[in-house]
Amino acid sequence: EHIALAREAAQKSIVLLKNKNNTLPISKDVKVPYVTGPFA
């Protein structure tokens, strides 16, 4: 229950600052997604 609450709290804390041309959300079927960056 607490793990689920931590997930809910994180979801509701995240702020979308920009979404040009409705880039998000991404399809889960995207063929070649790339995750990068020092904190990924």
Full PDB file with SEQRES, HELIX, SHEET, SSBOND, CRYST1, ORIGX, SCALE, CONECT and MASTER records, all heavy atoms in Angstrom:
SEQRES   1 A   40  GLU HIS ILE ALA LEU ALA ARG GLU ALA ALA GLN LYS SER          
SEQRES   2 A   40  ILE VAL LEU LEU LYS ASN LYS ASN ASN THR LEU PRO ILE          
SEQRES   3 A   40  SER LYS ASP VAL LYS VAL PRO TYR VAL THR GLY PRO PHE          
SEQRES   4 A   40  ALA                                                          
HELIX    1 AA1 HIS A    2  SER A   13  1                                  12    
HELIX    2 AA2 LYS A   20  ASN A   22  5                                   3    
CRYST1    1.000    1.000    1.000  90.00  90.00  90.00 P 1           1          
ORIGX1      1.000000  0.000000  0.000000        0.00000                         
ORIGX2      0.000000  1.000000  0.000000        0.00000                         
ORIGX3      0.000000  0.000000  1.000000        0.00000                         
SCALE1      1.000000  0.000000  0.000000        0.00000                         
SCALE2      0.000000  1.000000  0.000000        0.00000                         
SCALE3      0.000000  0.000000  1.000000        0.00000                         
ATOM      1  N   GLU A   1       0.831  -1.212   0.000  1.00  0.00           N  
ATOM      2  CA  GLU A   1       0.000   0.000   0.000  1.00  0.00           C  
ATOM      3  C   GLU A   1       0.858   1.252   0.000  1.00  0.00           C  
ATOM      4  O   GLU A   1       0.563   2.231  -0.709  1.00  0.00           O  
ATOM      5  CB  GLU A   1      -0.925  -0.006   1.220  1.00  0.00           C  
ATOM      6  CG  GLU A   1      -2.004  -1.070   1.208  1.00  0.00           C  
ATOM      7  CD  GLU A   1      -1.497  -2.461   1.583  1.00  0.00           C  
ATOM      8  OE1 GLU A   1      -0.342  -2.569   2.079  1.00  0.00           O  
ATOM      9  OE2 GLU A   1      -2.249  -3.432   1.388  1.00  0.00           O  
ATOM     10  N   HIS A   2       1.938   1.244   0.751  1.00  0.00           N  
ATOM     11  CA  HIS A   2       2.805   2.417   0.815  1.00  0.00           C  
ATOM     12  C   HIS A   2       3.619   2.586  -0.467  1.00  0.00           C  
ATOM     13  O   HIS A   2       3.878   3.714  -0.903  1.00  0.00           O  
ATOM     14  CB  HIS A   2       3.735   2.319   2.027  1.00  0.00           C  
ATOM     15  CG  HIS A   2       3.010   2.423   3.334  1.00  0.00           C  
ATOM     16  ND1 HIS A   2       3.630   2.235   4.550  1.00  0.00           N  
ATOM     17  CD2 HIS A   2       1.703   2.689   3.620  1.00  0.00           C  
ATOM     18  CE1 HIS A   2       2.740   2.390   5.524  1.00  0.00           C  
ATOM     19  NE2 HIS A   2       1.564   2.658   4.978  1.00  0.00           N  
ATOM     20  N   ILE A   3       4.006   1.486  -1.066  1.00  0.00           N  
ATOM     21  CA  ILE A   3       4.706   1.557  -2.365  1.00  0.00           C  
ATOM     22  C   ILE A   3       3.778   2.156  -3.418  1.00  0.00           C  
ATOM     23  O   ILE A   3       4.188   3.017  -4.212  1.00  0.00           O  
ATOM     24  CB  ILE A   3       5.184   0.156  -2.790  1.00  0.00           C  
ATOM     25  CG1 ILE A   3       6.265  -0.353  -1.827  1.00  0.00           C  
ATOM     26  CG2 ILE A   3       5.725   0.176  -4.215  1.00  0.00           C  
ATOM     27  CD1 ILE A   3       6.600  -1.822  -1.997  1.00  0.00           C  
ATOM     28  N   ALA A   4       2.509   1.734  -3.406  1.00  0.00           N  
ATOM     29  CA  ALA A   4       1.526   2.287  -4.348  1.00  0.00           C  
ATOM     30  C   ALA A   4       1.309   3.771  -4.092  1.00  0.00           C  
ATOM     31  O   ALA A   4       1.150   4.564  -5.030  1.00  0.00           O  
ATOM     32  CB  ALA A   4       0.211   1.519  -4.233  1.00  0.00           C  
ATOM     33  N   LEU A   5       1.307   4.163  -2.826  1.00  0.00           N  
ATOM     34  CA  LEU A   5       1.141   5.575  -2.481  1.00  0.00           C  
ATOM     35  C   LEU A   5       2.342   6.396  -2.937  1.00  0.00           C  
ATOM     36  O   LEU A   5       2.189   7.529  -3.416  1.00  0.00           O  
ATOM     37  CB  LEU A   5       0.940   5.710  -0.974  1.00  0.00           C  
ATOM     38  CG  LEU A   5       0.715   7.125  -0.433  1.00  0.00           C  
ATOM     39  CD1 LEU A   5      -0.515   7.769  -1.069  1.00  0.00           C  
ATOM     40  CD2 LEU A   5       0.576   7.089   1.093  1.00  0.00           C  
ATOM     41  N   ALA A   6       3.540   5.836  -2.807  1.00  0.00           N  
ATOM     42  CA  ALA A   6       4.744   6.527  -3.287  1.00  0.00           C  
ATOM     43  C   ALA A   6       4.666   6.750  -4.795  1.00  0.00           C  
ATOM     44  O   ALA A   6       5.071   7.801  -5.303  1.00  0.00           O  
ATOM     45  CB  ALA A   6       5.990   5.720  -2.933  1.00  0.00           C  
ATOM     46  N   ARG A   7       4.132   5.779  -5.497  1.00  0.00           N  
ATOM     47  CA  ARG A   7       3.964   5.909  -6.952  1.00  0.00           C  
ATOM     48  C   ARG A   7       2.943   6.985  -7.283  1.00  0.00           C  
ATOM     49  O   ARG A   7       3.166   7.829  -8.167  1.00  0.00           O  
ATOM     50  CB  ARG A   7       3.533   4.562  -7.532  1.00  0.00           C  
ATOM     51  CG  ARG A   7       3.353   4.542  -9.047  1.00  0.00           C  
ATOM     52  CD  ARG A   7       3.048   3.123  -9.500  1.00  0.00           C  
ATOM     53  NE  ARG A   7       2.898   3.008 -10.947  1.00  0.00           N  
ATOM     54  CZ  ARG A   7       2.770   1.841 -11.588  1.00  0.00           C  
ATOM     55  NH1 ARG A   7       2.796   0.702 -10.898  1.00  0.00           N  
ATOM     56  NH2 ARG A   7       2.647   1.808 -12.908  1.00  0.00           N  
ATOM     57  N   GLU A   8       1.808   6.976  -6.573  1.00  0.00           N  
ATOM     58  CA  GLU A   8       0.779   7.992  -6.801  1.00  0.00           C  
ATOM     59  C   GLU A   8       1.314   9.392  -6.525  1.00  0.00           C  
ATOM     60  O   GLU A   8       1.078  10.331  -7.298  1.00  0.00           O  
ATOM     61  CB  GLU A   8      -0.433   7.718  -5.914  1.00  0.00           C  
ATOM     62  CG  GLU A   8      -1.534   8.753  -6.050  1.00  0.00           C  
ATOM     63  CD  GLU A   8      -2.621   8.623  -4.991  1.00  0.00           C  
ATOM     64  OE1 GLU A   8      -2.621   7.619  -4.239  1.00  0.00           O  
ATOM     65  OE2 GLU A   8      -3.470   9.543  -4.902  1.00  0.00           O  
ATOM     66  N   ALA A   9       2.034   9.536  -5.410  1.00  0.00           N  
ATOM     67  CA  ALA A   9       2.579  10.848  -5.059  1.00  0.00           C  
ATOM     68  C   ALA A   9       3.570  11.331  -6.114  1.00  0.00           C  
ATOM     69  O   ALA A   9       3.573  12.514  -6.493  1.00  0.00           O  
ATOM     70  CB  ALA A   9       3.243  10.787  -3.689  1.00  0.00           C  
ATOM     71  N   ALA A  10       4.407  10.433  -6.604  1.00  0.00           N  
ATOM     72  CA  ALA A  10       5.367  10.812  -7.648  1.00  0.00           C  
ATOM     73  C   ALA A  10       4.649  11.205  -8.935  1.00  0.00           C  
ATOM     74  O   ALA A  10       5.007  12.194  -9.582  1.00  0.00           O  
ATOM     75  CB  ALA A  10       6.342   9.663  -7.899  1.00  0.00           C  
ATOM     76  N   GLN A  11       3.632  10.437  -9.320  1.00  0.00           N  
ATOM     77  CA  GLN A  11       2.857  10.774 -10.512  1.00  0.00           C  
ATOM     78  C   GLN A  11       2.293  12.194 -10.419  1.00  0.00           C  
ATOM     79  O   GLN A  11       2.387  12.985 -11.364  1.00  0.00           O  
ATOM     80  CB  GLN A  11       1.689   9.795 -10.684  1.00  0.00           C  
ATOM     81  CG  GLN A  11       2.068   8.395 -11.081  1.00  0.00           C  
ATOM     82  CD  GLN A  11       0.884   7.438 -10.966  1.00  0.00           C  
ATOM     83  OE1 GLN A  11      -0.122   7.747 -10.324  1.00  0.00           O  
ATOM     84  NE2 GLN A  11       1.015   6.256 -11.565  1.00  0.00           N  
ATOM     85  N   LYS A  12       1.703  12.515  -9.267  1.00  0.00           N  
ATOM     86  CA  LYS A  12       1.032  13.806  -9.108  1.00  0.00           C  
ATOM     87  C   LYS A  12       1.995  14.961  -8.903  1.00  0.00           C  
ATOM     88  O   LYS A  12       1.597  16.125  -9.011  1.00  0.00           O  
ATOM     89  CB  LYS A  12       0.032  13.718  -7.947  1.00  0.00           C  
ATOM     90  CG  LYS A  12      -1.146  12.803  -8.245  1.00  0.00           C  
ATOM     91  CD  LYS A  12      -2.143  12.759  -7.104  1.00  0.00           C  
ATOM     92  CE  LYS A  12      -3.351  11.902  -7.487  1.00  0.00           C  
ATOM     93  NZ  LYS A  12      -4.354  11.820  -6.398  1.00  0.00           N  
ATOM     94  N   SER A  13       3.258  14.660  -8.618  1.00  0.00           N  
ATOM     95  CA  SER A  13       4.249  15.714  -8.423  1.00  0.00           C  
ATOM     96  C   SER A  13       4.907  16.141  -9.726  1.00  0.00           C  
ATOM     97  O   SER A  13       5.432  17.253  -9.834  1.00  0.00           O  
ATOM     98  CB  SER A  13       5.328  15.249  -7.446  1.00  0.00           C  
ATOM     99  OG  SER A  13       6.179  14.275  -8.034  1.00  0.00           O  
ATOM    100  N   ILE A  14       4.904  15.278 -10.732  1.00  0.00           N  
ATOM    101  CA  ILE A  14       5.629  15.538 -11.986  1.00  0.00           C  
ATOM    102  C   ILE A  14       4.931  16.643 -12.780  1.00  0.00           C  
ATOM    103  O   ILE A  14       3.712  16.624 -12.966  1.00  0.00           O  
ATOM    104  CB  ILE A  14       5.733  14.247 -12.812  1.00  0.00           C  
ATOM    105  CG1 ILE A  14       6.640  13.237 -12.085  1.00  0.00           C  
ATOM    106  CG2 ILE A  14       6.264  14.529 -14.218  1.00  0.00           C  
ATOM    107  CD1 ILE A  14       6.614  11.846 -12.671  1.00  0.00           C  
ATOM    108  N   VAL A  15       5.727  17.602 -13.238  1.00  0.00           N  
ATOM    109  CA  VAL A  15       5.189  18.767 -13.949  1.00  0.00           C  
ATOM    110  C   VAL A  15       5.604  18.715 -15.417  1.00  0.00           C  
ATOM    111  O   VAL A  15       6.793  18.613 -15.732  1.00  0.00           O  
ATOM    112  CB  VAL A  15       5.687  20.085 -13.324  1.00  0.00           C  
ATOM    113  CG1 VAL A  15       5.046  21.286 -14.028  1.00  0.00           C  
ATOM    114  CG2 VAL A  15       5.378  20.123 -11.830  1.00  0.00           C  
ATOM    115  N   LEU A  16       4.616  18.789 -16.300  1.00  0.00           N  
ATOM    116  CA  LEU A  16       4.877  18.880 -17.741  1.00  0.00           C  
ATOM    117  C   LEU A  16       5.032  20.352 -18.097  1.00  0.00           C  
ATOM    118  O   LEU A  16       4.084  21.133 -17.987  1.00  0.00           O  
ATOM    119  CB  LEU A  16       3.738  18.250 -18.532  1.00  0.00           C  
ATOM    120  CG  LEU A  16       3.855  18.292 -20.062  1.00  0.00           C  
ATOM    121  CD1 LEU A  16       5.092  17.536 -20.536  1.00  0.00           C  
ATOM    122  CD2 LEU A  16       2.593  17.729 -20.718  1.00  0.00           C  
ATOM    123  N   LEU A  17       6.235  20.741 -18.523  1.00  0.00           N  
ATOM    124  CA  LEU A  17       6.542  22.138 -18.812  1.00  0.00           C  
ATOM    125  C   LEU A  17       6.382  22.489 -20.286  1.00  0.00           C  
ATOM    126  O   LEU A  17       6.100  23.639 -20.634  1.00  0.00           O  
ATOM    127  CB  LEU A  17       7.976  22.460 -18.363  1.00  0.00           C  
ATOM    128  CG  LEU A  17       8.249  22.339 -16.855  1.00  0.00           C  
ATOM    129  CD1 LEU A  17       9.734  22.550 -16.572  1.00  0.00           C  
ATOM    130  CD2 LEU A  17       7.409  23.331 -16.073  1.00  0.00           C  
ATOM    131  N   LYS A  18       6.568  21.514 -21.151  1.00  0.00           N  
ATOM    132  CA  LYS A  18       6.473  21.773 -22.592  1.00  0.00           C  
ATOM    133  C   LYS A  18       6.053  20.490 -23.289  1.00  0.00           C  
ATOM    134  O   LYS A  18       6.499  19.399 -22.914  1.00  0.00           O  
ATOM    135  CB  LYS A  18       7.825  22.244 -23.145  1.00  0.00           C  
ATOM    136  CG  LYS A  18       7.836  22.543 -24.638  1.00  0.00           C  
ATOM    137  CD  LYS A  18       9.219  23.031 -25.093  1.00  0.00           C  
ATOM    138  CE  LYS A  18       9.242  23.352 -26.572  1.00  0.00           C  
ATOM    139  NZ  LYS A  18      10.563  23.833 -27.034  1.00  0.00           N  
ATOM    140  N   ASN A  19       5.210  20.635 -24.303  1.00  0.00           N  
ATOM    141  CA  ASN A  19       4.780  19.464 -25.066  1.00  0.00           C  
ATOM    142  C   ASN A  19       4.459  19.875 -26.505  1.00  0.00           C  
ATOM    143  O   ASN A  19       3.308  19.878 -26.938  1.00  0.00           O  
ATOM    144  CB  ASN A  19       3.564  18.806 -24.402  1.00  0.00           C  
ATOM    145  CG  ASN A  19       3.315  17.405 -24.906  1.00  0.00           C  
ATOM    146  OD1 ASN A  19       4.208  16.761 -25.454  1.00  0.00           O  
ATOM    147  ND2 ASN A  19       2.092  16.914 -24.725  1.00  0.00           N  
ATOM    148  N   LYS A  20       5.514  20.204 -27.224  1.00  0.00           N  
ATOM    149  CA  LYS A  20       5.378  20.698 -28.595  1.00  0.00           C  
ATOM    150  C   LYS A  20       4.753  19.635 -29.498  1.00  0.00           C  
ATOM    151  O   LYS A  20       5.183  18.479 -29.507  1.00  0.00           O  
ATOM    152  CB  LYS A  20       6.763  21.075 -29.130  1.00  0.00           C  
ATOM    153  CG  LYS A  20       6.786  21.622 -30.533  1.00  0.00           C  
ATOM    154  CD  LYS A  20       8.216  21.956 -30.935  1.00  0.00           C  
ATOM    155  CE  LYS A  20       8.293  22.444 -32.375  1.00  0.00           C  
ATOM    156  NZ  LYS A  20       9.701  22.734 -32.775  1.00  0.00           N  
ATOM    157  N   ASN A  21       3.713  20.047 -30.214  1.00  0.00           N  
ATOM    158  CA  ASN A  21       3.039  19.163 -31.176  1.00  0.00           C  
ATOM    159  C   ASN A  21       2.609  17.838 -30.552  1.00  0.00           C  
ATOM    160  O   ASN A  21       2.616  16.794 -31.211  1.00  0.00           O  
ATOM    161  CB  ASN A  21       3.940  18.893 -32.397  1.00  0.00           C  
ATOM    162  CG  ASN A  21       4.280  20.162 -33.160  1.00  0.00           C  
ATOM    163  OD1 ASN A  21       3.472  21.085 -33.233  1.00  0.00           O  
ATOM    164  ND2 ASN A  21       5.487  20.217 -33.709  1.00  0.00           N  
ATOM    165  N   ASN A  22       2.236  17.887 -29.282  1.00  0.00           N  
ATOM    166  CA  ASN A  22       1.772  16.680 -28.579  1.00  0.00           C  
ATOM    167  C   ASN A  22       2.775  15.526 -28.689  1.00  0.00           C  
ATOM    168  O   ASN A  22       2.409  14.380 -28.956  1.00  0.00           O  
ATOM    169  CB  ASN A  22       0.399  16.252 -29.095  1.00  0.00           C  
ATOM    170  CG  ASN A  22      -0.669  17.297 -28.822  1.00  0.00           C  
ATOM    171  OD1 ASN A  22      -0.708  17.879 -27.734  1.00  0.00           O  
ATOM    172  ND2 ASN A  22      -1.523  17.545 -29.800  1.00  0.00           N  
ATOM    173  N   THR A  23       4.033  15.863 -28.469  1.00  0.00           N  
ATOM    174  CA  THR A  23       5.081  14.828 -28.465  1.00  0.00           C  
ATOM    175  C   THR A  23       4.747  13.717 -27.479  1.00  0.00           C  
ATOM    176  O   THR A  23       4.953  12.526 -27.755  1.00  0.00           O  
ATOM    177  CB  THR A  23       6.430  15.468 -28.101  1.00  0.00           C  
ATOM    178  OG1 THR A  23       6.793  16.401 -29.122  1.00  0.00           O  
ATOM    179  CG2 THR A  23       7.518  14.411 -27.957  1.00  0.00           C  
ATOM    180  N   LEU A  24       4.256  14.109 -26.325  1.00  0.00           N  
ATOM    181  CA  LEU A  24       3.839  13.155 -25.298  1.00  0.00           C  
ATOM    182  C   LEU A  24       2.321  13.051 -25.290  1.00  0.00           C  
ATOM    183  O   LEU A  24       1.635  14.028 -25.571  1.00  0.00           O  
ATOM    184  CB  LEU A  24       4.338  13.608 -23.922  1.00  0.00           C  
ATOM    185  CG  LEU A  24       5.854  13.742 -23.746  1.00  0.00           C  
ATOM    186  CD1 LEU A  24       6.177  14.243 -22.340  1.00  0.00           C  
ATOM    187  CD2 LEU A  24       6.555  12.412 -24.004  1.00  0.00           C  
ATOM    188  N   PRO A  25       1.786  11.887 -24.957  1.00  0.00           N  
ATOM    189  CA  PRO A  25       2.498  10.670 -24.549  1.00  0.00           C  
ATOM    190  C   PRO A  25       3.085   9.900 -25.728  1.00  0.00           C  
ATOM    191  O   PRO A  25       2.646  10.061 -26.872  1.00  0.00           O  
ATOM    192  CB  PRO A  25       1.413   9.857 -23.845  1.00  0.00           C  
ATOM    193  CG  PRO A  25       0.142  10.276 -24.519  1.00  0.00           C  
ATOM    194  CD  PRO A  25       0.316  11.731 -24.832  1.00  0.00           C  
ATOM    195  N   ILE A  26       4.051   9.066 -25.405  1.00  0.00           N  
ATOM    196  CA  ILE A  26       4.708   8.222 -26.396  1.00  0.00           C  
ATOM    197  C   ILE A  26       3.982   6.884 -26.472  1.00  0.00           C  
ATOM    198  O   ILE A  26       3.545   6.347 -25.459  1.00  0.00           O  
ATOM    199  CB  ILE A  26       6.178   7.976 -25.990  1.00  0.00           C  
ATOM    200  CG1 ILE A  26       6.920   9.308 -25.788  1.00  0.00           C  
ATOM    201  CG2 ILE A  26       6.904   7.108 -27.005  1.00  0.00           C  
ATOM    202  CD1 ILE A  26       8.231   9.166 -25.022  1.00  0.00           C  
ATOM    203  N   SER A  27       3.874   6.355 -27.656  1.00  0.00           N  
ATOM    204  CA  SER A  27       3.279   5.024 -27.808  1.00  0.00           C  
ATOM    205  C   SER A  27       4.200   3.970 -27.198  1.00  0.00           C  
ATOM    206  O   SER A  27       5.414   3.997 -27.389  1.00  0.00           O  
ATOM    207  CB  SER A  27       3.059   4.707 -29.287  1.00  0.00           C  
ATOM    208  OG  SER A  27       2.712   3.344 -29.450  1.00  0.00           O  
ATOM    209  N   LYS A  28       3.602   3.035 -26.469  1.00  0.00           N  
ATOM    210  CA  LYS A  28       4.399   1.953 -25.886  1.00  0.00           C  
ATOM    211  C   LYS A  28       4.962   1.020 -26.962  1.00  0.00           C  
ATOM    212  O   LYS A  28       5.893   0.249 -26.693  1.00  0.00           O  
ATOM    213  CB  LYS A  28       3.555   1.152 -24.895  1.00  0.00           C  
ATOM    214  CG  LYS A  28       3.205   1.925 -23.640  1.00  0.00           C  
ATOM    215  CD  LYS A  28       2.412   1.064 -22.663  1.00  0.00           C  
ATOM    216  CE  LYS A  28       2.069   1.851 -21.410  1.00  0.00           C  
ATOM    217  NZ  LYS A  28       1.275   1.051 -20.446  1.00  0.00           N  
ATOM    218  N   ASP A  29       4.423   1.113 -28.149  1.00  0.00           N  
ATOM    219  CA  ASP A  29       4.897   0.278 -29.255  1.00  0.00           C  
ATOM    220  C   ASP A  29       5.978   0.965 -30.081  1.00  0.00           C  
ATOM    221  O   ASP A  29       6.309   0.495 -31.180  1.00  0.00           O  
ATOM    222  CB  ASP A  29       3.725  -0.105 -30.164  1.00  0.00           C  
ATOM    223  CG  ASP A  29       2.734  -1.018 -29.471  1.00  0.00           C  
ATOM    224  OD1 ASP A  29       3.172  -1.873 -28.683  1.00  0.00           O  
ATOM    225  OD2 ASP A  29       1.517  -0.868 -29.699  1.00  0.00           O  
ATOM    226  N   VAL A  30       6.508   2.081 -29.581  1.00  0.00           N  
ATOM    227  CA  VAL A  30       7.564   2.777 -30.311  1.00  0.00           C  
ATOM    228  C   VAL A  30       8.685   1.785 -30.640  1.00  0.00           C  
ATOM    229  O   VAL A  30       9.113   1.002 -29.795  1.00  0.00           O  
ATOM    230  CB  VAL A  30       8.077   3.973 -29.480  1.00  0.00           C  
ATOM    231  CG1 VAL A  30       8.617   3.545 -28.127  1.00  0.00           C  
ATOM    232  CG2 VAL A  30       9.134   4.753 -30.257  1.00  0.00           C  
ATOM    233  N   LYS A  31       9.146   1.830 -31.882  1.00  0.00           N  
ATOM    234  CA  LYS A  31      10.081   0.790 -32.331  1.00  0.00           C  
ATOM    235  C   LYS A  31      11.469   0.932 -31.705  1.00  0.00           C  
ATOM    236  O   LYS A  31      12.039  -0.034 -31.209  1.00  0.00           O  
ATOM    237  CB  LYS A  31      10.180   0.813 -33.858  1.00  0.00           C  
ATOM    238  CG  LYS A  31       8.914   0.324 -34.560  1.00  0.00           C  
ATOM    239  CD  LYS A  31       9.088   0.329 -36.071  1.00  0.00           C  
ATOM    240  CE  LYS A  31       7.821  -0.173 -36.755  1.00  0.00           C  
ATOM    241  NZ  LYS A  31       7.952  -0.139 -38.242  1.00  0.00           N  
ATOM    242  N   VAL A  32      12.031   2.155 -31.767  1.00  0.00           N  
ATOM    243  CA  VAL A  32      13.401   2.339 -31.275  1.00  0.00           C  
ATOM    244  C   VAL A  32      13.445   3.523 -30.304  1.00  0.00           C  
ATOM    245  O   VAL A  32      13.752   4.640 -30.695  1.00  0.00           O  
ATOM    246  CB  VAL A  32      14.395   2.565 -32.434  1.00  0.00           C  
ATOM    247  CG1 VAL A  32      15.834   2.606 -31.892  1.00  0.00           C  
ATOM    248  CG2 VAL A  32      14.250   1.512 -33.508  1.00  0.00           C  
ATOM    249  N   PRO A  33      13.135   3.279 -29.039  1.00  0.00           N  
ATOM    250  CA  PRO A  33      13.280   4.335 -28.039  1.00  0.00           C  
ATOM    251  C   PRO A  33      14.704   4.341 -27.478  1.00  0.00           C  
ATOM    252  O   PRO A  33      15.329   3.288 -27.333  1.00  0.00           O  
ATOM    253  CB  PRO A  33      12.272   3.937 -26.962  1.00  0.00           C  
ATOM    254  CG  PRO A  33      12.193   2.444 -27.061  1.00  0.00           C  
ATOM    255  CD  PRO A  33      12.474   2.078 -28.498  1.00  0.00           C  
ATOM    256  N   TYR A  34      15.190   5.518 -27.167  1.00  0.00           N  
ATOM    257  CA  TYR A  34      16.550   5.671 -26.648  1.00  0.00           C  
ATOM    258  C   TYR A  34      16.485   6.429 -25.330  1.00  0.00           C  
ATOM    259  O   TYR A  34      15.944   7.534 -25.253  1.00  0.00           O  
ATOM    260  CB  TYR A  34      17.394   6.435 -27.662  1.00  0.00           C  
ATOM    261  CG  TYR A  34      18.825   6.726 -27.261  1.00  0.00           C  
ATOM    262  CD1 TYR A  34      19.568   5.849 -26.481  1.00  0.00           C  
ATOM    263  CD2 TYR A  34      19.453   7.895 -27.698  1.00  0.00           C  
ATOM    264  CE1 TYR A  34      20.891   6.120 -26.132  1.00  0.00           C  
ATOM    265  CE2 TYR A  34      20.773   8.185 -27.366  1.00  0.00           C  
ATOM    266  CZ  TYR A  34      21.490   7.296 -26.575  1.00  0.00           C  
ATOM    267  OH  TYR A  34      22.802   7.567 -26.233  1.00  0.00           O  
ATOM    268  N   VAL A  35      17.023   5.842 -24.283  1.00  0.00           N  
ATOM    269  CA  VAL A  35      17.100   6.488 -22.974  1.00  0.00           C  
ATOM    270  C   VAL A  35      18.560   6.814 -22.694  1.00  0.00           C  
ATOM    271  O   VAL A  35      19.438   5.955 -22.823  1.00  0.00           O  
ATOM    272  CB  VAL A  35      16.535   5.579 -21.869  1.00  0.00           C  
ATOM    273  CG1 VAL A  35      16.690   6.243 -20.505  1.00  0.00           C  
ATOM    274  CG2 VAL A  35      15.068   5.266 -22.135  1.00  0.00           C  
ATOM    275  N   THR A  36      18.805   8.058 -22.314  1.00  0.00           N  
ATOM    276  CA  THR A  36      20.185   8.493 -22.105  1.00  0.00           C  
ATOM    277  C   THR A  36      20.237   9.571 -21.036  1.00  0.00           C  
ATOM    278  O   THR A  36      19.213   9.955 -20.472  1.00  0.00           O  
ATOM    279  CB  THR A  36      20.798   8.989 -23.432  1.00  0.00           C  
ATOM    280  OG1 THR A  36      22.192   9.245 -23.248  1.00  0.00           O  
ATOM    281  CG2 THR A  36      20.104  10.251 -23.931  1.00  0.00           C  
ATOM    282  N   GLY A  37      21.420  10.054 -20.756  1.00  0.00           N  
ATOM    283  CA  GLY A  37      21.590  11.102 -19.755  1.00  0.00           C  
ATOM    284  C   GLY A  37      22.219  10.581 -18.476  1.00  0.00           C  
ATOM    285  O   GLY A  37      22.118   9.400 -18.148  1.00  0.00           O  
ATOM    286  N   PRO A  38      22.886  11.469 -17.727  1.00  0.00           N  
ATOM    287  CA  PRO A  38      23.657  11.048 -16.556  1.00  0.00           C  
ATOM    288  C   PRO A  38      22.818  10.484 -15.413  1.00  0.00           C  
ATOM    289  O   PRO A  38      23.353   9.813 -14.534  1.00  0.00           O  
ATOM    290  CB  PRO A  38      24.362  12.339 -16.124  1.00  0.00           C  
ATOM    291  CG  PRO A  38      23.515  13.444 -16.674  1.00  0.00           C  
ATOM    292  CD  PRO A  38      22.984  12.929 -17.961  1.00  0.00           C  
ATOM    293  N   PHE A  39      21.508  10.755 -15.430  1.00  0.00           N  
ATOM    294  CA  PHE A  39      20.677  10.294 -14.315  1.00  0.00           C  
ATOM    295  C   PHE A  39      19.594   9.310 -14.740  1.00  0.00           C  
ATOM    296  O   PHE A  39      18.705   8.986 -13.950  1.00  0.00           O  
ATOM    297  CB  PHE A  39      20.049  11.491 -13.604  1.00  0.00           C  
ATOM    298  CG  PHE A  39      21.052  12.354 -12.907  1.00  0.00           C  
ATOM    299  CD1 PHE A  39      21.234  13.681 -13.277  1.00  0.00           C  
ATOM    300  CD2 PHE A  39      21.834  11.843 -11.891  1.00  0.00           C  
ATOM    301  CE1 PHE A  39      22.164  14.474 -12.646  1.00  0.00           C  
ATOM    302  CE2 PHE A  39      22.776  12.630 -11.246  1.00  0.00           C  
ATOM    303  CZ  PHE A  39      22.946  13.952 -11.623  1.00  0.00           C  
ATOM    304  N   ALA A  40      19.680   8.823 -15.966  1.00  0.00           N  
ATOM    305  CA  ALA A  40      18.665   7.883 -16.444  1.00  0.00           C  
ATOM    306  C   ALA A  40      18.657   6.593 -15.637  1.00  0.00           C  
ATOM    307  O   ALA A  40      17.606   5.982 -15.426  1.00  0.00           O  
ATOM    308  CB  ALA A  40      18.887   7.580 -17.924  1.00  0.00           C  
TER     309      ALA A  40                                                      
MASTER        0    0    0    2    0    0    0    6  308    1    0    4          
END                                                                             
